[in-house]
Amino acid sequence: MSFDDVWERIKEVTGLETFIDLAAAVEVQQSAVSKRRKRGEFPAEWLLSLAQKYGFSSDWAWTGEGPMKMAKHGRIDHEGNQRDEQGPAISEAPLPDDNLGFGECAELLSKIFNSGSQVLIRAIAANLHAFSEAIDNKALAVHTVKLMEQMNERMMAMERRLKELEAAPKKVANG
C-alpha cells in the first residue's frame, strides 16, 4: 500500500492530523516522514508502533480490509476473526530464557509468513535485513581494525628505519 493510503486510515482512527503529529507519535524527525512519503513507503515499524499505541488493527491500516479496531479482550487474527486468547501485548510478552535453534526460528518464520499478514511479513523482512547488515558491518569493522593494526606496524617499522637512516650520516660525518 502507498504511504498516503496508510496515512489516511491512520488519521481516521488516531486523530493525528499532520506529519508533525506523525513524527512525534513515532519519535522521528519530520524530515524522515517527508522522505518516506516521497518514496511512497510507510514503514512497517511505524505502523506497528501506532497500532499498539492507538489500539487499531495494523492489517486494516495496511490493507483497508478487516476490522478497524483491535478487540478489547483477546486478539483479532489476520482474517478478522476474534480469538479468545488472553495475554499481554507483544511488547509486554516475556522474552524466552533460552536461545532458539535454527529449526525453531524457521518454524516461527514460517508461521508468520503463512499468516498472510503483510505488516508482520514486512516487519520481519526489515528486521532480517537490519540484522544481516549489522553482521556485515561488524565483519567489516573487524577487518578494518586488522588492516589498521597492520598499517600501524608498518608505520612503526618505517619510523625505526627512518631513525636509522637519519643516524647513519651522522656516524659517517663524525667517523
Protein backbone atom coordinates (compact mmCIF):
# COMPACT_ATOMS: atom_id res chain seq x y z
CA MET A 1 0.00 0.00 0.00
CA SER A 2 1.07 3.53 -0.61
CA PHE A 3 2.16 5.87 2.13
CA ASP A 4 -0.83 8.15 1.55
CA ASP A 5 -3.38 5.29 1.72
CA VAL A 6 -1.99 4.03 5.03
CA TRP A 7 -1.66 7.58 6.40
CA GLU A 8 -5.31 8.39 5.59
CA ARG A 9 -6.50 5.33 7.51
CA ILE A 10 -4.22 6.14 10.45
CA LYS A 11 -5.54 9.71 10.61
CA GLU A 12 -9.08 8.35 10.61
CA VAL A 13 -8.55 6.22 13.70
CA THR A 14 -5.93 8.14 15.73
CA GLY A 15 -6.82 11.80 15.47
CA LEU A 16 -3.32 12.59 14.19
CA GLU A 17 -3.63 15.31 11.59
CA THR A 18 -0.24 16.44 10.36
CA PHE A 19 3.14 14.98 9.51
CA ILE A 20 4.43 16.81 12.58
CA ASP A 21 1.92 14.80 14.66
CA LEU A 22 3.02 11.59 12.95
CA ALA A 23 6.71 12.32 13.50
CA ALA A 24 6.08 12.96 17.20
CA ALA A 25 3.98 9.81 17.56
CA VAL A 26 6.65 7.55 16.04
CA GLU A 27 9.51 9.57 17.57
CA VAL A 28 11.33 10.55 14.37
CA GLN A 29 12.28 13.82 12.71
CA GLN A 30 9.67 15.35 10.43
CA SER A 31 12.22 15.07 7.61
CA ALA A 32 12.12 11.27 7.99
CA VAL A 33 8.36 11.34 7.45
CA SER A 34 8.78 13.54 4.36
CA LYS A 35 11.43 11.22 2.91
CA ARG A 36 9.25 8.15 3.43
CA ARG A 37 6.27 9.89 1.85
CA LYS A 38 8.33 10.87 -1.19
CA ARG A 39 9.36 7.23 -1.57
CA GLY A 40 5.75 6.16 -1.12
CA GLU A 41 6.67 3.81 1.72
CA PHE A 42 5.00 3.73 5.11
CA PRO A 43 7.44 1.86 7.40
CA ALA A 44 6.01 -1.27 8.99
CA GLU A 45 7.69 -0.45 12.30
CA TRP A 46 5.87 2.91 12.45
CA LEU A 47 2.58 1.21 11.66
CA LEU A 48 3.06 -1.45 14.34
CA SER A 49 4.03 1.19 16.90
CA LEU A 50 0.98 3.33 16.12
CA ALA A 51 -1.37 0.33 16.05
CA GLN A 52 -0.20 -0.71 19.50
CA LYS A 53 -0.32 2.85 20.86
CA TYR A 54 -3.80 3.67 19.49
CA GLY A 55 -5.38 0.19 19.50
CA PHE A 56 -6.22 -0.21 15.83
CA SER A 57 -5.60 -3.18 13.55
CA SER A 58 -2.31 -2.82 11.68
CA ASP A 59 -3.64 -5.14 8.96
CA TRP A 60 -6.66 -2.87 8.49
CA ALA A 61 -4.43 0.22 8.28
CA TRP A 62 -2.16 -1.52 5.79
CA THR A 63 -4.80 -3.04 3.51
CA GLY A 64 -8.05 -1.24 4.34
CA GLU A 65 -9.66 -4.65 4.93
CA GLY A 66 -10.91 -6.33 8.08
CA PRO A 67 -11.85 -4.77 11.38
CA MET A 68 -10.53 -1.30 12.15
CA LYS A 69 -10.13 -1.71 15.90
CA MET A 70 -8.44 -4.47 17.84
CA ALA A 71 -10.56 -6.48 20.24
CA LYS A 72 -10.56 -5.24 23.83
CA HIS A 73 -10.12 -8.81 25.06
CA GLY A 74 -8.22 -11.35 23.08
CA ARG A 75 -6.83 -10.83 19.63
CA ILE A 76 -8.12 -10.46 16.10
CA ASP A 77 -6.41 -12.83 13.68
CA HIS A 78 -5.31 -11.94 10.14
CA GLU A 79 -8.72 -12.96 8.79
CA GLY A 80 -10.53 -10.56 11.11
CA ASN A 81 -11.83 -13.24 13.50
CA GLN A 82 -11.65 -12.54 17.21
CA ARG A 83 -9.81 -15.17 19.20
CA ASP A 84 -10.40 -15.81 22.88
CA GLU A 85 -6.67 -15.80 23.56
CA GLN A 86 -5.80 -13.75 26.62
CA GLY A 87 -2.38 -12.42 27.38
CA PRO A 88 -0.09 -9.45 27.18
CA ALA A 89 0.52 -7.40 24.08
CA ILE A 90 3.55 -8.46 22.07
CA SER A 91 5.72 -5.70 23.56
CA GLU A 92 4.78 -6.83 27.09
CA ALA A 93 5.31 -10.55 26.49
CA PRO A 94 8.23 -12.05 28.39
CA LEU A 95 11.24 -12.98 26.32
CA PRO A 96 12.20 -16.65 26.26
CA ASP A 97 15.01 -17.57 28.63
CA ASP A 98 16.83 -19.76 26.13
CA ASN A 99 18.09 -19.21 22.60
CA LEU A 100 16.06 -20.64 19.78
CA GLY A 101 17.68 -23.12 17.45
CA PHE A 102 17.65 -22.79 13.69
CA GLY A 103 14.70 -25.19 13.32
CA GLU A 104 12.61 -23.32 15.88
CA CYS A 105 13.37 -20.00 14.19
CA ALA A 106 12.45 -21.44 10.80
CA GLU A 107 9.13 -22.70 12.22
CA LEU A 108 8.32 -19.29 13.70
CA LEU A 109 9.21 -17.51 10.45
CA SER A 110 7.10 -19.98 8.50
CA LYS A 111 4.16 -19.34 10.82
CA ILE A 112 4.49 -15.58 10.37
CA PHE A 113 4.80 -15.80 6.58
CA ASN A 114 1.91 -18.26 6.35
CA SER A 115 -0.29 -15.91 8.40
CA GLY A 116 -0.60 -13.70 5.34
CA SER A 117 -0.19 -10.55 7.44
CA GLN A 118 1.75 -8.19 5.18
CA VAL A 119 2.56 -5.92 8.10
CA LEU A 120 4.23 -8.73 10.05
CA ILE A 121 5.98 -10.06 6.96
CA ARG A 122 7.39 -6.63 6.12
CA ALA A 123 8.44 -6.08 9.74
CA ILE A 124 10.25 -9.44 9.84
CA ALA A 125 11.90 -8.78 6.48
CA ALA A 126 13.05 -5.33 7.62
CA ASN A 127 14.48 -6.78 10.83
CA LEU A 128 16.25 -9.61 8.99
CA HIS A 129 17.83 -7.09 6.63
CA ALA A 130 18.91 -4.94 9.58
CA PHE A 131 20.43 -7.93 11.40
CA SER A 132 22.26 -9.02 8.25
CA GLU A 133 23.58 -5.51 7.71
CA ALA A 134 24.75 -5.37 11.34
CA ILE A 135 26.64 -8.64 10.88
CA ASP A 136 28.21 -7.35 7.66
CA ASN A 137 29.14 -4.08 9.37
CA LYS A 138 30.72 -5.92 12.28
CA ALA A 139 32.75 -8.12 9.92
CA LEU A 140 33.85 -5.01 8.02
CA ALA A 141 34.81 -3.30 11.29
CA VAL A 142 36.88 -6.31 12.40
CA HIS A 143 38.61 -6.39 9.01
CA THR A 144 39.24 -2.63 9.14
CA VAL A 145 40.76 -2.91 12.62
CA LYS A 146 43.12 -5.66 11.41
CA LEU A 147 44.17 -3.53 8.44
CA MET A 148 44.76 -0.55 10.73
CA GLU A 149 46.88 -2.68 13.06
CA GLN A 150 48.95 -3.87 10.08
CA MET A 151 49.35 -0.29 8.85
CA ASN A 152 50.40 0.81 12.33
CA GLU A 153 53.04 -1.93 12.45
CA ARG A 154 54.34 -0.85 9.03
CA MET A 155 54.45 2.80 10.11
CA MET A 156 56.38 1.91 13.25
CA ALA A 157 58.85 -0.13 11.16
CA MET A 158 59.20 2.80 8.75
CA GLU A 159 59.81 5.20 11.66
CA ARG A 160 62.52 2.90 13.03
CA ARG A 161 64.17 2.67 9.60
CA LEU A 162 63.94 6.45 9.15
CA LYS A 163 65.68 6.99 12.51
CA GLU A 164 68.38 4.54 11.45
CA LEU A 165 68.88 6.40 8.17
CA GLU A 166 68.95 9.78 9.93
CA ALA A 167 71.54 8.48 12.36
CA ALA A 168 73.70 6.87 9.64
CA PRO A 169 75.03 10.10 8.01
CA LYS A 170 75.98 11.45 11.41
CA LYS A 171 78.16 8.41 12.01
CA VAL A 172 79.89 8.84 8.61
CA ALA A 173 80.41 12.58 9.08
CA ASN A 174 81.76 12.11 12.61
CA GLY A 175 83.67 8.95 11.75
